[in-house]
């Protein structure tokens, strides 16, 4: 599976924009950090990004 640098950069920018929007809307940074860590742990445990998060063992 090959991912082009452009795709990585685009995903990074979109994630950054989403995080900024959430913070500007009042979501505490500690909540955002916790969410990112939880999702990263799930992805690391599963070895892939589930297409339906409700289907994972959370």
C-alpha atoms as a PDB file:
ATOM      1  CA  UNK A   1       0.000   0.000   0.000  1.00  0.00           C
ATOM      2  CA  UNK A   2       1.688   3.171  -1.192  1.00  0.00           C
ATOM      3  CA  UNK A   3       0.630   6.564   0.081  1.00  0.00           C
ATOM      4  CA  UNK A   4       1.886   9.613  -1.736  1.00  0.00           C
ATOM      5  CA  UNK A   5       3.435  12.452   0.242  1.00  0.00           C
ATOM      6  CA  UNK A   6       0.702  14.748  -1.062  1.00  0.00           C
ATOM      7  CA  UNK A   7      -1.991  12.498   0.464  1.00  0.00           C
ATOM      8  CA  UNK A   8      -0.211  12.506   3.815  1.00  0.00           C
ATOM      9  CA  UNK A   9       0.158  16.285   3.786  1.00  0.00           C
ATOM     10  CA  UNK A  10      -3.500  16.735   2.817  1.00  0.00           C
ATOM     11  CA  UNK A  11      -4.665  14.443   5.623  1.00  0.00           C
ATOM     12  CA  UNK A  12      -2.412  16.276   8.081  1.00  0.00           C
ATOM     13  CA  UNK A  13      -3.802  19.678   7.072  1.00  0.00           C
ATOM     14  CA  UNK A  14      -7.390  18.431   7.329  1.00  0.00           C
ATOM     15  CA  UNK A  15      -6.747  16.969  10.791  1.00  0.00           C
ATOM     16  CA  UNK A  16      -5.087  20.189  11.940  1.00  0.00           C
ATOM     17  CA  UNK A  17      -8.036  22.240  10.659  1.00  0.00           C
ATOM     18  CA  UNK A  18     -10.498  19.951  12.440  1.00  0.00           C
ATOM     19  CA  UNK A  19      -8.548  20.164  15.706  1.00  0.00           C
ATOM     20  CA  UNK A  20      -8.370  23.963  15.484  1.00  0.00           C
ATOM     21  CA  UNK A  21     -12.101  24.167  14.765  1.00  0.00           C
ATOM     22  CA  UNK A  22     -12.891  21.970  17.777  1.00  0.00           C
ATOM     23  CA  UNK A  23     -10.650  24.042  20.061  1.00  0.00           C
ATOM     24  CA  UNK A  24     -12.164  27.291  18.774  1.00  0.00           C
ATOM     25  CA  UNK A  25     -15.639  25.857  19.465  1.00  0.00           C
ATOM     26  CA  UNK A  26     -14.693  25.346  23.094  1.00  0.00           C
ATOM     27  CA  UNK A  27     -13.628  21.710  23.217  1.00  0.00           C
ATOM     28  CA  UNK A  28     -10.838  21.611  25.813  1.00  0.00           C
ATOM     29  CA  UNK A  29      -7.430  20.625  24.482  1.00  0.00           C
ATOM     30  CA  UNK A  30      -7.184  17.870  27.108  1.00  0.00           C
ATOM     31  CA  UNK A  31     -10.326  16.288  25.632  1.00  0.00           C
ATOM     32  CA  UNK A  32      -8.883  16.431  22.122  1.00  0.00           C
ATOM     33  CA  UNK A  33      -5.622  14.898  23.354  1.00  0.00           C
ATOM     34  CA  UNK A  34      -7.531  12.095  25.057  1.00  0.00           C
ATOM     35  CA  UNK A  35      -9.555  11.373  21.933  1.00  0.00           C
ATOM     36  CA  UNK A  36      -6.460  11.274  19.744  1.00  0.00           C
ATOM     37  CA  UNK A  37      -4.676   8.936  22.167  1.00  0.00           C
ATOM     38  CA  UNK A  38      -7.690   6.613  22.438  1.00  0.00           C
ATOM     39  CA  UNK A  39      -8.089   6.391  18.669  1.00  0.00           C
ATOM     40  CA  UNK A  40      -4.343   5.913  18.188  1.00  0.00           C
ATOM     41  CA  UNK A  41      -4.393   3.080  20.745  1.00  0.00           C
ATOM     42  CA  UNK A  42      -7.354   1.435  18.992  1.00  0.00           C
ATOM     43  CA  UNK A  43      -5.682   1.696  15.604  1.00  0.00           C
ATOM     44  CA  UNK A  44      -2.398   0.339  16.956  1.00  0.00           C
ATOM     45  CA  UNK A  45      -4.202  -2.565  18.651  1.00  0.00           C
ATOM     46  CA  UNK A  46      -6.291  -3.433  15.579  1.00  0.00           C
ATOM     47  CA  UNK A  47      -3.565  -2.776  13.029  1.00  0.00           C
ATOM     48  CA  UNK A  48      -5.917  -0.796  10.781  1.00  0.00           C
ATOM     49  CA  UNK A  49      -8.425   2.043  10.806  1.00  0.00           C
ATOM     50  CA  UNK A  50     -11.932   0.627  11.147  1.00  0.00           C
ATOM     51  CA  UNK A  51     -14.371   1.977   8.599  1.00  0.00           C
ATOM     52  CA  UNK A  52     -17.144   1.755  11.199  1.00  0.00           C
ATOM     53  CA  UNK A  53     -15.934   2.702  14.690  1.00  0.00           C
ATOM     54  CA  UNK A  54     -19.034   1.278  16.332  1.00  0.00           C
ATOM     55  CA  UNK A  55     -17.937  -2.163  15.138  1.00  0.00           C
ATOM     56  CA  UNK A  56     -14.684  -2.100  17.142  1.00  0.00           C
ATOM     57  CA  UNK A  57     -14.200  -3.384  20.659  1.00  0.00           C
ATOM     58  CA  UNK A  58     -13.976  -0.059  22.463  1.00  0.00           C
END
